[in-house]
Amino acid sequence: MKNRAATVQDVARAAGVSTATVSRAINEPDKVSEETRQRVADAIAATRYTLNEAARSLRMNRSRMLLVTVPDIGNPYFSLLLAGMEETASQQGYNLLIANTNCDPHVEHRLYDYVRSNRADGILILDGTLPSLGEQSDTALPPVVVVSERIEGAELPTVCVDNAAALASATQHLLQLGHQRIGHLCGPLANVLTKERLAGFRQAMTNADLPVADSWVYSGDFSMDAGAAAARQWLAQTERPTAITCANDELAFGFIDEVRRHGIRVPEQVSVVGFDDIQFAARFYPALTTIHQPRKEIGRQAAALLLDLINQPGKVKKQEIVLGTELVIRESTAAPSS
């Protein structure tokens, strides 16, 4: 075998089983015993047999592709999520197919085309929207896992964090510093992340028996421009919050940059907390206090769950995996000035 690649027949001879058994051990491992699986695995290692993934995909009617729907591919929040997904998928011979849903008016048609033509074995949803097949309802969706952003009313496997508890911990940090007038900068009001994080903020303030003026809750859209717009509203107020929690880091960056342009010092005159802990948070000035999400691990676990659903249909329990967050205290928060 020094001058040629090992074949399935070589593996069968080394394992002392038939070629059909080798095929079952590779493609349908649950149909052979643990002892047989191990013998085949040892034989594959001994013969250095390399599985032809393309041929295997054809036999199993698989594309070896996972479709990932991303609302904004340019948002740095998604980079580590995608890295974690790619790492796990590639270990099992899968690739990612990225659909940038927020920027493509034809995305619904393209998603249907992927499903209809079996170009995606499963879907990882990062935009909080279940793809609609419209009038093509005769085509069933492949296995789906929702990532980071729950889909309200849909009982689907989900991997996320507890957004309300995380924002509550950020608010509690400001309360412990001595702040009582605390505001919140929201994302899009219809977005589930916005709702959960706002609920966590309000609950923490209620628990502290402190009021929240309507004018202290600022609307936004998860962008730095929205953070800057909220800062201008804050600057125009006569009774301002002394601290602001933000629904993501980009809002916090925009807010801080805008108030600094008007001579306001952070955190001396206003404290700001972000959410996500994207790569720039530690390098921003001042370094941003924020909620750290384990984004790469979220991506890994989401891809692993989807692959289990694909490879073991009917055997994987639909579930919600909730990962922990961490408040990272840096330089953008301090006690209120007297």
C-alpha atoms as a PDB file:
ATOM      1  CA  MET A   1       0.000   0.000   0.000  1.00  0.00           C
ATOM      2  CA  LYS A   2       3.063   2.268  -0.114  1.00  0.00           C
ATOM      3  CA  ASN A   3       2.383   3.278  -3.729  1.00  0.00           C
ATOM      4  CA  ARG A   4      -1.402   3.630  -3.621  1.00  0.00           C
ATOM      5  CA  ALA A   5      -4.100   5.041  -1.424  1.00  0.00           C
ATOM      6  CA  ALA A   6      -5.829   2.627   0.931  1.00  0.00           C
ATOM      7  CA  THR A   7      -9.284   1.452  -0.111  1.00  0.00           C
ATOM      8  CA  VAL A   8     -12.350   0.349   1.798  1.00  0.00           C
ATOM      9  CA  GLN A   9     -11.388  -3.219   0.918  1.00  0.00           C
ATOM     10  CA  ASP A  10      -8.058  -2.727   2.725  1.00  0.00           C
ATOM     11  CA  VAL A  11      -9.920  -1.463   5.781  1.00  0.00           C
ATOM     12  CA  ALA A  12     -12.300  -4.438   5.676  1.00  0.00           C
ATOM     13  CA  ARG A  13      -9.412  -6.918   5.530  1.00  0.00           C
ATOM     14  CA  ALA A  14      -7.567  -5.196   8.376  1.00  0.00           C
ATOM     15  CA  ALA A  15     -10.703  -5.138  10.542  1.00  0.00           C
ATOM     16  CA  GLY A  16     -11.783  -8.659   9.635  1.00  0.00           C
ATOM     17  CA  VAL A  17     -15.222  -7.546   8.477  1.00  0.00           C
ATOM     18  CA  SER A  18     -17.048  -7.093   5.186  1.00  0.00           C
ATOM     19  CA  THR A  19     -16.899  -3.922   3.115  1.00  0.00           C
ATOM     20  CA  ALA A  20     -20.629  -3.458   3.837  1.00  0.00           C
ATOM     21  CA  THR A  21     -19.868  -3.436   7.556  1.00  0.00           C
ATOM     22  CA  VAL A  22     -17.139  -0.850   7.042  1.00  0.00           C
ATOM     23  CA  SER A  23     -19.622   1.307   5.123  1.00  0.00           C
ATOM     24  CA  ARG A  24     -22.208   1.012   7.900  1.00  0.00           C
ATOM     25  CA  ALA A  25     -19.637   1.812  10.577  1.00  0.00           C
ATOM     26  CA  ILE A  26     -18.726   5.009   8.713  1.00  0.00           C
ATOM     27  CA  ASN A  27     -22.119   6.155   7.465  1.00  0.00           C
ATOM     28  CA  GLU A  28     -24.541   4.653   9.996  1.00  0.00           C
ATOM     29  CA  PRO A  29     -22.473   3.973  13.131  1.00  0.00           C
ATOM     30  CA  ASP A  30     -25.549   3.399  15.303  1.00  0.00           C
ATOM     31  CA  LYS A  31     -26.301   0.254  13.289  1.00  0.00           C
ATOM     32  CA  VAL A  32     -23.110  -1.579  14.314  1.00  0.00           C
ATOM     33  CA  SER A  33     -21.783  -2.578  17.724  1.00  0.00           C
ATOM     34  CA  GLU A  34     -19.290  -0.503  19.671  1.00  0.00           C
ATOM     35  CA  GLU A  35     -16.713  -3.282  19.284  1.00  0.00           C
ATOM     36  CA  THR A  36     -17.130  -3.299  15.505  1.00  0.00           C
ATOM     37  CA  ARG A  37     -16.956   0.492  15.303  1.00  0.00           C
ATOM     38  CA  GLN A  38     -13.692   0.423  17.220  1.00  0.00           C
ATOM     39  CA  ARG A  39     -12.212  -2.306  15.023  1.00  0.00           C
ATOM     40  CA  VAL A  40     -13.084  -0.332  11.903  1.00  0.00           C
ATOM     41  CA  ALA A  41     -11.694   2.863  13.434  1.00  0.00           C
ATOM     42  CA  ASP A  42      -8.431   1.090  14.299  1.00  0.00           C
ATOM     43  CA  ALA A  43      -8.234  -0.345  10.782  1.00  0.00           C
ATOM     44  CA  ILE A  44      -8.792   3.085   9.233  1.00  0.00           C
ATOM     45  CA  ALA A  45      -5.950   4.482  11.334  1.00  0.00           C
ATOM     46  CA  ALA A  46      -3.661   1.524  10.526  1.00  0.00           C
ATOM     47  CA  THR A  47      -4.274   1.681   6.764  1.00  0.00           C
ATOM     48  CA  ARG A  48      -4.376   5.480   6.642  1.00  0.00           C
ATOM     49  CA  TYR A  49      -7.613   5.261   4.742  1.00  0.00           C
ATOM     50  CA  THR A  50      -8.987   8.660   3.731  1.00  0.00           C
ATOM     51  CA  LEU A  51     -12.736   8.928   3.342  1.00  0.00           C
ATOM     52  CA  ASN A  52     -13.877  10.437   0.048  1.00  0.00           C
ATOM     53  CA  GLU A  53     -16.250  13.064   1.457  1.00  0.00           C
ATOM     54  CA  ALA A  54     -17.588  14.036  -1.962  1.00  0.00           C
ATOM     55  CA  ALA A  55     -18.594  10.471  -2.776  1.00  0.00           C
ATOM     56  CA  ARG A  56     -19.994   9.997   0.706  1.00  0.00           C
ATOM     57  CA  SER A  57     -22.100  13.127   0.332  1.00  0.00           C
ATOM     58  CA  LEU A  58     -23.532  11.869  -2.956  1.00  0.00           C
ATOM     59  CA  ARG A  59     -24.417   8.488  -1.456  1.00  0.00           C
ATOM     60  CA  MET A  60     -26.117  10.056   1.546  1.00  0.00           C
ATOM     61  CA  ASN A  61     -27.764  12.903  -0.417  1.00  0.00           C
ATOM     62  CA  ARG A  62     -25.873  15.394   1.715  1.00  0.00           C
ATOM     63  CA  SER A  63     -24.304  18.700   0.707  1.00  0.00           C
ATOM     64  CA  ARG A  64     -21.963  18.893   3.729  1.00  0.00           C
ATOM     65  CA  MET A  65     -22.987  22.565   3.935  1.00  0.00           C
ATOM     66  CA  LEU A  66     -24.529  24.451   6.852  1.00  0.00           C
ATOM     67  CA  LEU A  67     -26.454  27.603   5.935  1.00  0.00           C
ATOM     68  CA  VAL A  68     -25.864  30.514   8.336  1.00  0.00           C
ATOM     69  CA  THR A  69     -28.237  33.500   8.215  1.00  0.00           C
ATOM     70  CA  VAL A  70     -26.464  36.644   9.462  1.00  0.00           C
ATOM     71  CA  PRO A  71     -28.245  40.018   9.719  1.00  0.00           C
ATOM     72  CA  ASP A  72     -25.104  42.100   9.071  1.00  0.00           C
ATOM     73  CA  ILE A  73     -21.874  40.396   8.049  1.00  0.00           C
ATOM     74  CA  GLY A  74     -20.019  43.651   8.709  1.00  0.00           C
ATOM     75  CA  ASN A  75     -20.937  43.673  12.405  1.00  0.00           C
ATOM     76  CA  PRO A  76     -17.868  42.570  14.424  1.00  0.00           C
ATOM     77  CA  TYR A  77     -20.125  40.810  16.935  1.00  0.00           C
ATOM     78  CA  PHE A  78     -20.570  37.899  14.517  1.00  0.00           C
ATOM     79  CA  SER A  79     -16.894  37.208  13.776  1.00  0.00           C
ATOM     80  CA  LEU A  80     -16.196  34.914  16.727  1.00  0.00           C
ATOM     81  CA  LEU A  81     -19.604  33.248  16.439  1.00  0.00           C
ATOM     82  CA  LEU A  82     -18.770  32.291  12.854  1.00  0.00           C
ATOM     83  CA  ALA A  83     -15.247  31.232  13.828  1.00  0.00           C
ATOM     84  CA  GLY A  84     -16.621  28.843  16.446  1.00  0.00           C
ATOM     85  CA  MET A  85     -19.144  27.424  13.992  1.00  0.00           C
ATOM     86  CA  GLU A  86     -16.530  26.934  11.274  1.00  0.00           C
ATOM     87  CA  GLU A  87     -14.148  25.228  13.694  1.00  0.00           C
ATOM     88  CA  THR A  88     -16.733  22.669  14.781  1.00  0.00           C
ATOM     89  CA  ALA A  89     -18.217  22.160  11.310  1.00  0.00           C
ATOM     90  CA  SER A  90     -14.847  21.590   9.639  1.00  0.00           C
ATOM     91  CA  GLN A  91     -13.949  18.918  12.184  1.00  0.00           C
ATOM     92  CA  GLN A  92     -16.881  16.896  10.851  1.00  0.00           C
ATOM     93  CA  GLY A  93     -16.260  17.646   7.191  1.00  0.00           C
ATOM     94  CA  TYR A  94     -18.805  20.451   6.821  1.00  0.00           C
ATOM     95  CA  ASN A  95     -18.489  23.959   5.409  1.00  0.00           C
ATOM     96  CA  LEU A  96     -20.488  27.124   6.089  1.00  0.00           C
ATOM     97  CA  LEU A  97     -22.639  28.939   3.565  1.00  0.00           C
ATOM     98  CA  ILE A  98     -23.228  32.539   4.720  1.00  0.00           C
ATOM     99  CA  ALA A  99     -26.412  34.456   3.859  1.00  0.00           C
ATOM    100  CA  ASN A 100     -26.220  38.169   4.733  1.00  0.00           C
ATOM    101  CA  THR A 101     -29.965  38.620   5.252  1.00  0.00           C
ATOM    102  CA  ASN A 102     -30.173  42.293   6.142  1.00  0.00           C
ATOM    103  CA  CYS A 103     -28.473  43.528   3.004  1.00  0.00           C
ATOM    104  CA  ASP A 104     -29.998  41.290   0.334  1.00  0.00           C
ATOM    105  CA  PRO A 105     -33.564  41.982  -0.883  1.00  0.00           C
ATOM    106  CA  HIS A 106     -33.629  38.595  -2.638  1.00  0.00           C
ATOM    107  CA  VAL A 107     -32.586  36.567   0.386  1.00  0.00           C
ATOM    108  CA  GLU A 108     -35.909  34.730   0.833  1.00  0.00           C
ATOM    109  CA  HIS A 109     -35.755  33.374  -2.704  1.00  0.00           C
ATOM    110  CA  ARG A 110     -32.139  32.335  -2.281  1.00  0.00           C
ATOM    111  CA  LEU A 111     -32.810  30.570   1.017  1.00  0.00           C
ATOM    112  CA  TYR A 112     -35.645  28.621  -0.589  1.00  0.00           C
ATOM    113  CA  ASP A 113     -33.356  27.675  -3.456  1.00  0.00           C
ATOM    114  CA  TYR A 114     -30.717  26.355  -1.050  1.00  0.00           C
ATOM    115  CA  VAL A 115     -33.311  24.206   0.725  1.00  0.00           C
ATOM    116  CA  ARG A 116     -35.039  22.957  -2.433  1.00  0.00           C
ATOM    117  CA  SER A 117     -31.780  21.926  -4.105  1.00  0.00           C
ATOM    118  CA  ASN A 118     -30.363  20.242  -0.977  1.00  0.00           C
ATOM    119  CA  ARG A 119     -27.432  22.669  -0.891  1.00  0.00           C
ATOM    120  CA  ALA A 120     -27.774  23.030   2.876  1.00  0.00           C
ATOM    121  CA  ASP A 121     -28.112  20.125   5.326  1.00  0.00           C
ATOM    122  CA  GLY A 122     -29.066  22.447   8.194  1.00  0.00           C
ATOM    123  CA  ILE A 123     -29.572  26.097   9.121  1.00  0.00           C
ATOM    124  CA  LEU A 124     -27.969  28.206  11.850  1.00  0.00           C
ATOM    125  CA  ILE A 125     -30.128  31.299  12.400  1.00  0.00           C
ATOM    126  CA  LEU A 126     -28.354  34.384  13.749  1.00  0.00           C
ATOM    127  CA  ASP A 127     -30.881  37.018  12.675  1.00  0.00           C
ATOM    128  CA  GLY A 128     -33.845  35.966  14.810  1.00  0.00           C
ATOM    129  CA  THR A 129     -35.986  35.195  11.755  1.00  0.00           C
ATOM    130  CA  LEU A 130     -37.100  31.754  10.629  1.00  0.00           C
ATOM    131  CA  PRO A 131     -36.721  31.574   6.825  1.00  0.00           C
ATOM    132  CA  SER A 132     -40.102  31.592   5.130  1.00  0.00           C
ATOM    133  CA  LEU A 133     -40.619  29.382   2.113  1.00  0.00           C
ATOM    134  CA  GLY A 134     -43.647  31.432   1.141  1.00  0.00           C
ATOM    135  CA  GLU A 135     -45.867  29.526  -1.236  1.00  0.00           C
ATOM    136  CA  GLN A 136     -43.281  26.761  -1.440  1.00  0.00           C
ATOM    137  CA  SER A 137     -44.552  25.176   1.784  1.00  0.00           C
ATOM    138  CA  ASP A 138     -44.262  21.691   0.276  1.00  0.00           C
ATOM    139  CA  THR A 139     -40.517  21.886   0.911  1.00  0.00           C
ATOM    140  CA  ALA A 140     -39.692  21.196   4.535  1.00  0.00           C
ATOM    141  CA  LEU A 141     -36.905  23.035   6.288  1.00  0.00           C
ATOM    142  CA  PRO A 142     -33.845  20.971   7.227  1.00  0.00           C
ATOM    143  CA  PRO A 143     -32.766  20.867  10.898  1.00  0.00           C
ATOM    144  CA  VAL A 144     -32.547  24.370  12.413  1.00  0.00           C
ATOM    145  CA  VAL A 145     -30.683  25.806  15.417  1.00  0.00           C
ATOM    146  CA  VAL A 146     -31.314  29.363  16.607  1.00  0.00           C
ATOM    147  CA  VAL A 147     -28.175  31.182  17.756  1.00  0.00           C
ATOM    148  CA  SER A 148     -27.849  34.095  20.184  1.00  0.00           C
ATOM    149  CA  GLU A 149     -31.230  35.661  19.408  1.00  0.00           C
ATOM    150  CA  ARG A 150     -34.315  33.669  20.399  1.00  0.00           C
ATOM    151  CA  ILE A 151     -37.247  33.508  17.984  1.00  0.00           C
ATOM    152  CA  GLU A 152     -40.366  34.387  19.948  1.00  0.00           C
ATOM    153  CA  GLY A 153     -43.092  31.759  19.737  1.00  0.00           C
ATOM    154  CA  ALA A 154     -40.898  29.187  17.956  1.00  0.00           C
ATOM    155  CA  GLU A 155     -39.986  26.012  19.814  1.00  0.00           C
ATOM    156  CA  LEU A 156     -36.616  25.457  18.205  1.00  0.00           C
ATOM    157  CA  PRO A 157     -33.236  24.325  19.565  1.00  0.00           C
ATOM    158  CA  THR A 158     -31.475  27.477  20.724  1.00  0.00           C
ATOM    159  CA  VAL A 159     -28.007  28.439  21.979  1.00  0.00           C
ATOM    160  CA  CYS A 160     -27.887  31.825  23.715  1.00  0.00           C
ATOM    161  CA  VAL A 161     -27.137  33.734  26.918  1.00  0.00           C
ATOM    162  CA  ASP A 162     -29.477  35.100  29.573  1.00  0.00           C
ATOM    163  CA  ASN A 163     -29.669  38.662  28.268  1.00  0.00           C
ATOM    164  CA  ALA A 164     -31.932  39.963  31.026  1.00  0.00           C
ATOM    165  CA  ALA A 165     -29.728  38.636  33.823  1.00  0.00           C
ATOM    166  CA  ALA A 166     -26.608  39.971  32.121  1.00  0.00           C
ATOM    167  CA  LEU A 167     -27.988  43.511  31.725  1.00  0.00           C
ATOM    168  CA  ALA A 168     -29.271  43.380  35.297  1.00  0.00           C
ATOM    169  CA  SER A 169     -25.714  42.631  36.474  1.00  0.00           C
ATOM    170  CA  ALA A 170     -24.401  45.625  34.501  1.00  0.00           C
ATOM    171  CA  THR A 171     -27.034  47.845  36.117  1.00  0.00           C
ATOM    172  CA  GLN A 172     -26.226  46.423  39.542  1.00  0.00           C
ATOM    173  CA  HIS A 173     -22.572  47.350  39.013  1.00  0.00           C
ATOM    174  CA  LEU A 174     -23.573  50.981  38.444  1.00  0.00           C
ATOM    175  CA  LEU A 175     -25.845  50.933  41.478  1.00  0.00           C
ATOM    176  CA  GLN A 176     -23.002  49.633  43.622  1.00  0.00           C
ATOM    177  CA  LEU A 177     -20.850  52.525  42.417  1.00  0.00           C
ATOM    178  CA  GLY A 178     -23.504  54.879  43.790  1.00  0.00           C
ATOM    179  CA  HIS A 179     -25.428  55.839  40.651  1.00  0.00           C
ATOM    180  CA  GLN A 180     -29.181  56.378  41.045  1.00  0.00           C
ATOM    181  CA  ARG A 181     -30.052  58.155  37.810  1.00  0.00           C
ATOM    182  CA  ILE A 182     -29.321  55.442  35.274  1.00  0.00           C
ATOM    183  CA  GLY A 183     -30.507  55.307  31.660  1.00  0.00           C
ATOM    184  CA  HIS A 184     -30.569  52.628  29.008  1.00  0.00           C
ATOM    185  CA  LEU A 185     -29.756  52.826  25.305  1.00  0.00           C
ATOM    186  CA  CYS A 186     -31.824  50.261  23.365  1.00  0.00           C
ATOM    187  CA  GLY A 187     -31.435  48.417  20.105  1.00  0.00           C
ATOM    188  CA  PRO A 188     -34.375  48.145  17.667  1.00  0.00           C
ATOM    189  CA  LEU A 189     -37.522  48.060  19.803  1.00  0.00           C
ATOM    190  CA  ALA A 190     -39.010  45.018  18.029  1.00  0.00           C
ATOM    191  CA  ASN A 191     -35.822  42.992  18.490  1.00  0.00           C
ATOM    192  CA  VAL A 192     -35.924  40.221  21.115  1.00  0.00           C
ATOM    193  CA  LEU A 193     -32.441  41.104  22.394  1.00  0.00           C
ATOM    194  CA  THR A 194     -33.586  44.676  22.945  1.00  0.00           C
ATOM    195  CA  LYS A 195     -36.646  43.481  24.860  1.00  0.00           C
ATOM    196  CA  GLU A 196     -34.709  41.073  27.072  1.00  0.00           C
ATOM    197  CA  ARG A 197     -31.936  43.528  27.898  1.00  0.00           C
ATOM    198  CA  LEU A 198     -34.353  46.359  28.590  1.00  0.00           C
ATOM    199  CA  ALA A 199     -36.335  44.039  30.859  1.00  0.00           C
ATOM    200  CA  GLY A 200     -33.170  43.190  32.802  1.00  0.00           C
ATOM    201  CA  PHE A 201     -32.359  46.890  33.227  1.00  0.00           C
ATOM    202  CA  ARG A 202     -35.862  47.744  34.418  1.00  0.00           C
ATOM    203  CA  GLN A 203     -35.919  44.805  36.829  1.00  0.00           C
ATOM    204  CA  ALA A 204     -32.655  45.875  38.437  1.00  0.00           C
ATOM    205  CA  MET A 205     -33.925  49.427  38.860  1.00  0.00           C
ATOM    206  CA  THR A 206     -37.217  48.175  40.296  1.00  0.00           C
ATOM    207  CA  ASN A 207     -35.339  45.960  42.742  1.00  0.00           C
ATOM    208  CA  ALA A 208     -33.384  49.037  43.855  1.00  0.00           C
ATOM    209  CA  ASP A 209     -36.653  50.968  44.242  1.00  0.00           C
ATOM    210  CA  LEU A 210     -35.429  53.614  41.806  1.00  0.00           C
ATOM    211  CA  PRO A 211     -37.495  55.318  39.095  1.00  0.00           C
ATOM    212  CA  VAL A 212     -36.608  55.354  35.402  1.00  0.00           C
ATOM    213  CA  ALA A 213     -37.846  58.406  33.514  1.00  0.00           C
ATOM    214  CA  ASP A 214     -39.162  57.649  30.031  1.00  0.00           C
ATOM    215  CA  SER A 215     -36.679  60.178  28.663  1.00  0.00           C
ATOM    216  CA  TRP A 216     -33.809  58.101  30.088  1.00  0.00           C
ATOM    217  CA  VAL A 217     -34.604  55.165  27.789  1.00  0.00           C
ATOM    218  CA  TYR A 218     -33.140  55.988  24.369  1.00  0.00           C
ATOM    219  CA  SER A 219     -34.019  54.185  21.137  1.00  0.00           C
ATOM    220  CA  GLY A 220     -31.348  52.909  18.778  1.00  0.00           C
ATOM    221  CA  ASP A 221     -30.447  50.263  16.227  1.00  0.00           C
ATOM    222  CA  PHE A 222     -27.229  48.616  17.515  1.00  0.00           C
ATOM    223  CA  SER A 223     -25.061  51.054  15.518  1.00  0.00           C
ATOM    224  CA  MET A 224     -22.477  53.675  16.528  1.00  0.00           C
ATOM    225  CA  ASP A 225     -24.537  56.333  14.727  1.00  0.00           C
ATOM    226  CA  ALA A 226     -27.510  55.478  16.963  1.00  0.00           C
ATOM    227  CA  GLY A 227     -25.245  55.757  20.004  1.00  0.00           C
ATOM    228  CA  ALA A 228     -24.140  59.213  18.876  1.00  0.00           C
ATOM    229  CA  ALA A 229     -27.770  60.269  18.304  1.00  0.00           C
ATOM    230  CA  ALA A 230     -28.674  59.134  21.824  1.00  0.00           C
ATOM    231  CA  ALA A 231     -25.727  61.102  23.182  1.00  0.00           C
ATOM    232  CA  ARG A 232     -27.079  64.256  21.563  1.00  0.00           C
ATOM    233  CA  GLN A 233     -30.443  63.613  23.251  1.00  0.00           C
ATOM    234  CA  TRP A 234     -28.631  63.106  26.564  1.00  0.00           C
ATOM    235  CA  LEU A 235     -26.666  66.349  26.104  1.00  0.00           C
ATOM    236  CA  ALA A 236     -29.909  68.286  25.521  1.00  0.00           C
ATOM    237  CA  GLN A 237     -31.525  67.089  28.762  1.00  0.00           C
ATOM    238  CA  THR A 238     -31.578  69.253  31.851  1.00  0.00           C
ATOM    239  CA  GLU A 239     -31.730  66.267  34.220  1.00  0.00           C
ATOM    240  CA  ARG A 240     -29.409  63.672  32.781  1.00  0.00           C
ATOM    241  CA  PRO A 241     -28.664  60.142  33.919  1.00  0.00           C
ATOM    242  CA  THR A 242     -25.208  59.887  35.468  1.00  0.00           C
ATOM    243  CA  ALA A 243     -24.742  56.455  33.929  1.00  0.00           C
ATOM    244  CA  ILE A 244     -25.902  54.644  30.781  1.00  0.00           C
ATOM    245  CA  THR A 245     -26.251  50.947  30.059  1.00  0.00           C
ATOM    246  CA  CYS A 246     -26.133  50.079  26.360  1.00  0.00           C
ATOM    247  CA  ALA A 247     -27.677  47.157  24.485  1.00  0.00           C
ATOM    248  CA  ASN A 248     -24.389  46.523  22.671  1.00  0.00           C
ATOM    249  CA  ASP A 249     -20.820  47.802  22.473  1.00  0.00           C
ATOM    250  CA  GLU A 250     -21.244  49.746  19.244  1.00  0.00           C
ATOM    251  CA  LEU A 251     -23.960  51.881  20.820  1.00  0.00           C
ATOM    252  CA  ALA A 252     -21.598  52.545  23.725  1.00  0.00           C
ATOM    253  CA  PHE A 253     -18.752  53.521  21.384  1.00  0.00           C
ATOM    254  CA  GLY A 254     -20.986  55.971  19.527  1.00  0.00           C
ATOM    255  CA  PHE A 255     -22.317  57.475  22.756  1.00  0.00           C
ATOM    256  CA  ILE A 256     -18.875  57.953  24.307  1.00  0.00           C
ATOM    257  CA  ASP A 257     -17.355  59.406  21.139  1.00  0.00           C
ATOM    258  CA  GLU A 258     -20.159  61.952  20.783  1.00  0.00           C
ATOM    259  CA  VAL A 259     -20.157  63.181  24.390  1.00  0.00           C
ATOM    260  CA  ARG A 260     -16.365  63.490  24.320  1.00  0.00           C
ATOM    261  CA  ARG A 261     -16.692  65.736  21.234  1.00  0.00           C
ATOM    262  CA  HIS A 262     -18.756  68.036  23.466  1.00  0.00           C
ATOM    263  CA  GLY A 263     -16.192  68.114  26.259  1.00  0.00           C
ATOM    264  CA  ILE A 264     -17.843  65.496  28.520  1.00  0.00           C
ATOM    265  CA  ARG A 265     -15.405  63.177  30.289  1.00  0.00           C
ATOM    266  CA  VAL A 266     -16.102  59.449  30.646  1.00  0.00           C
ATOM    267  CA  PRO A 267     -16.341  58.171  33.350  1.00  0.00           C
ATOM    268  CA  GLU A 268     -15.862  61.354  35.378  1.00  0.00           C
ATOM    269  CA  GLN A 269     -19.109  62.947  34.186  1.00  0.00           C
ATOM    270  CA  VAL A 270     -21.016  59.944  32.884  1.00  0.00           C
ATOM    271  CA  SER A 271     -20.392  56.193  33.195  1.00  0.00           C
ATOM    272  CA  VAL A 272     -21.115  53.877  30.249  1.00  0.00           C
ATOM    273  CA  VAL A 273     -21.507  50.095  30.087  1.00  0.00           C
ATOM    274  CA  GLY A 274     -21.654  48.072  26.861  1.00  0.00           C
ATOM    275  CA  PHE A 275     -22.767  44.559  25.998  1.00  0.00           C
ATOM    276  CA  ASP A 276     -20.933  41.829  23.986  1.00  0.00           C
ATOM    277  CA  ASP A 277     -17.225  42.578  24.646  1.00  0.00           C
ATOM    278  CA  ILE A 278     -16.262  42.706  20.978  1.00  0.00           C
ATOM    279  CA  GLN A 279     -12.561  42.873  20.179  1.00  0.00           C
ATOM    280  CA  PHE A 280     -12.351  46.674  20.204  1.00  0.00           C
ATOM    281  CA  ALA A 281     -13.858  47.079  23.686  1.00  0.00           C
ATOM    282  CA  ALA A 282     -10.583  46.630  25.549  1.00  0.00           C
ATOM    283  CA  ARG A 283      -8.709  48.969  23.157  1.00  0.00           C
ATOM    284  CA  PHE A 284     -11.307  51.748  23.055  1.00  0.00           C
ATOM    285  CA  TYR A 285     -10.644  54.902  25.079  1.00  0.00           C
ATOM    286  CA  PRO A 286     -11.611  54.695  27.789  1.00  0.00           C
ATOM    287  CA  ALA A 287     -11.522  50.889  27.807  1.00  0.00           C
ATOM    288  CA  LEU A 288     -15.145  49.806  27.888  1.00  0.00           C
ATOM    289  CA  THR A 289     -16.816  48.158  30.857  1.00  0.00           C
ATOM    290  CA  THR A 290     -19.087  45.583  29.230  1.00  0.00           C
ATOM    291  CA  ILE A 291     -20.813  42.216  29.376  1.00  0.00           C
ATOM    292  CA  HIS A 292     -18.623  39.488  27.926  1.00  0.00           C
ATOM    293  CA  GLN A 293     -20.416  36.903  25.814  1.00  0.00           C
ATOM    294  CA  PRO A 294     -18.524  33.652  25.047  1.00  0.00           C
ATOM    295  CA  ARG A 295     -19.219  34.128  21.360  1.00  0.00           C
ATOM    296  CA  LYS A 296     -16.835  31.500  19.996  1.00  0.00           C
ATOM    297  CA  GLU A 297     -18.197  28.887  22.392  1.00  0.00           C
ATOM    298  CA  ILE A 298     -21.761  29.846  21.444  1.00  0.00           C
ATOM    299  CA  GLY A 299     -20.795  29.211  17.815  1.00  0.00           C
ATOM    300  CA  ARG A 300     -19.135  25.887  18.643  1.00  0.00           C
ATOM    301  CA  GLN A 301     -22.071  24.580  20.643  1.00  0.00           C
ATOM    302  CA  ALA A 302     -24.629  25.749  18.077  1.00  0.00           C
ATOM    303  CA  ALA A 303     -22.814  23.967  15.241  1.00  0.00           C
ATOM    304  CA  ALA A 304     -22.350  20.821  17.343  1.00  0.00           C
ATOM    305  CA  LEU A 305     -26.057  20.757  18.199  1.00  0.00           C
ATOM    306  CA  LEU A 306     -27.048  21.211  14.558  1.00  0.00           C
ATOM    307  CA  LEU A 307     -24.716  18.422  13.431  1.00  0.00           C
ATOM    308  CA  ASP A 308     -26.233  16.126  16.048  1.00  0.00           C
ATOM    309  CA  LEU A 309     -29.688  16.931  14.684  1.00  0.00           C
ATOM    310  CA  ILE A 310     -28.501  16.177  11.139  1.00  0.00           C
ATOM    311  CA  ASN A 311     -26.643  12.970  11.930  1.00  0.00           C
ATOM    312  CA  GLN A 312     -29.017  11.580  14.548  1.00  0.00           C
ATOM    313  CA  PRO A 313     -32.494  12.602  13.377  1.00  0.00           C
ATOM    314  CA  GLY A 314     -35.170  11.966  15.973  1.00  0.00           C
ATOM    315  CA  LYS A 315     -32.646  11.068  18.641  1.00  0.00           C
ATOM    316  CA  VAL A 316     -31.502  14.529  19.765  1.00  0.00           C
ATOM    317  CA  LYS A 317     -33.762  16.280  22.222  1.00  0.00           C
ATOM    318  CA  LYS A 318     -34.750  19.804  21.242  1.00  0.00           C
ATOM    319  CA  GLN A 319     -33.201  22.028  23.827  1.00  0.00           C
ATOM    320  CA  GLU A 320     -32.106  25.495  24.856  1.00  0.00           C
ATOM    321  CA  ILE A 321     -28.472  25.837  25.835  1.00  0.00           C
ATOM    322  CA  VAL A 322     -27.852  28.964  27.924  1.00  0.00           C
ATOM    323  CA  LEU A 323     -24.208  29.939  28.383  1.00  0.00           C
ATOM    324  CA  GLY A 324     -22.903  32.207  31.114  1.00  0.00           C
ATOM    325  CA  THR A 325     -21.809  35.823  30.722  1.00  0.00           C
ATOM    326  CA  GLU A 326     -19.307  37.912  32.673  1.00  0.00           C
ATOM    327  CA  LEU A 327     -19.225  41.581  33.625  1.00  0.00           C
ATOM    328  CA  VAL A 328     -15.804  42.909  32.598  1.00  0.00           C
ATOM    329  CA  ILE A 329     -15.051  46.068  34.558  1.00  0.00           C
ATOM    330  CA  ARG A 330     -12.687  48.432  32.752  1.00  0.00           C
ATOM    331  CA  GLU A 331     -12.275  52.221  32.655  1.00  0.00           C
ATOM    332  CA  SER A 332     -15.625  53.581  31.415  1.00  0.00           C
ATOM    333  CA  THR A 333     -17.413  53.339  34.785  1.00  0.00           C
ATOM    334  CA  ALA A 334     -16.761  55.073  38.090  1.00  0.00           C
ATOM    335  CA  ALA A 335     -18.649  56.542  41.052  1.00  0.00           C
ATOM    336  CA  PRO A 336     -20.775  59.580  40.167  1.00  0.00           C
ATOM    337  CA  SER A 337     -19.164  62.952  40.713  1.00  0.00           C
ATOM    338  CA  SER A 338     -20.444  64.784  43.765  1.00  0.00           C
END
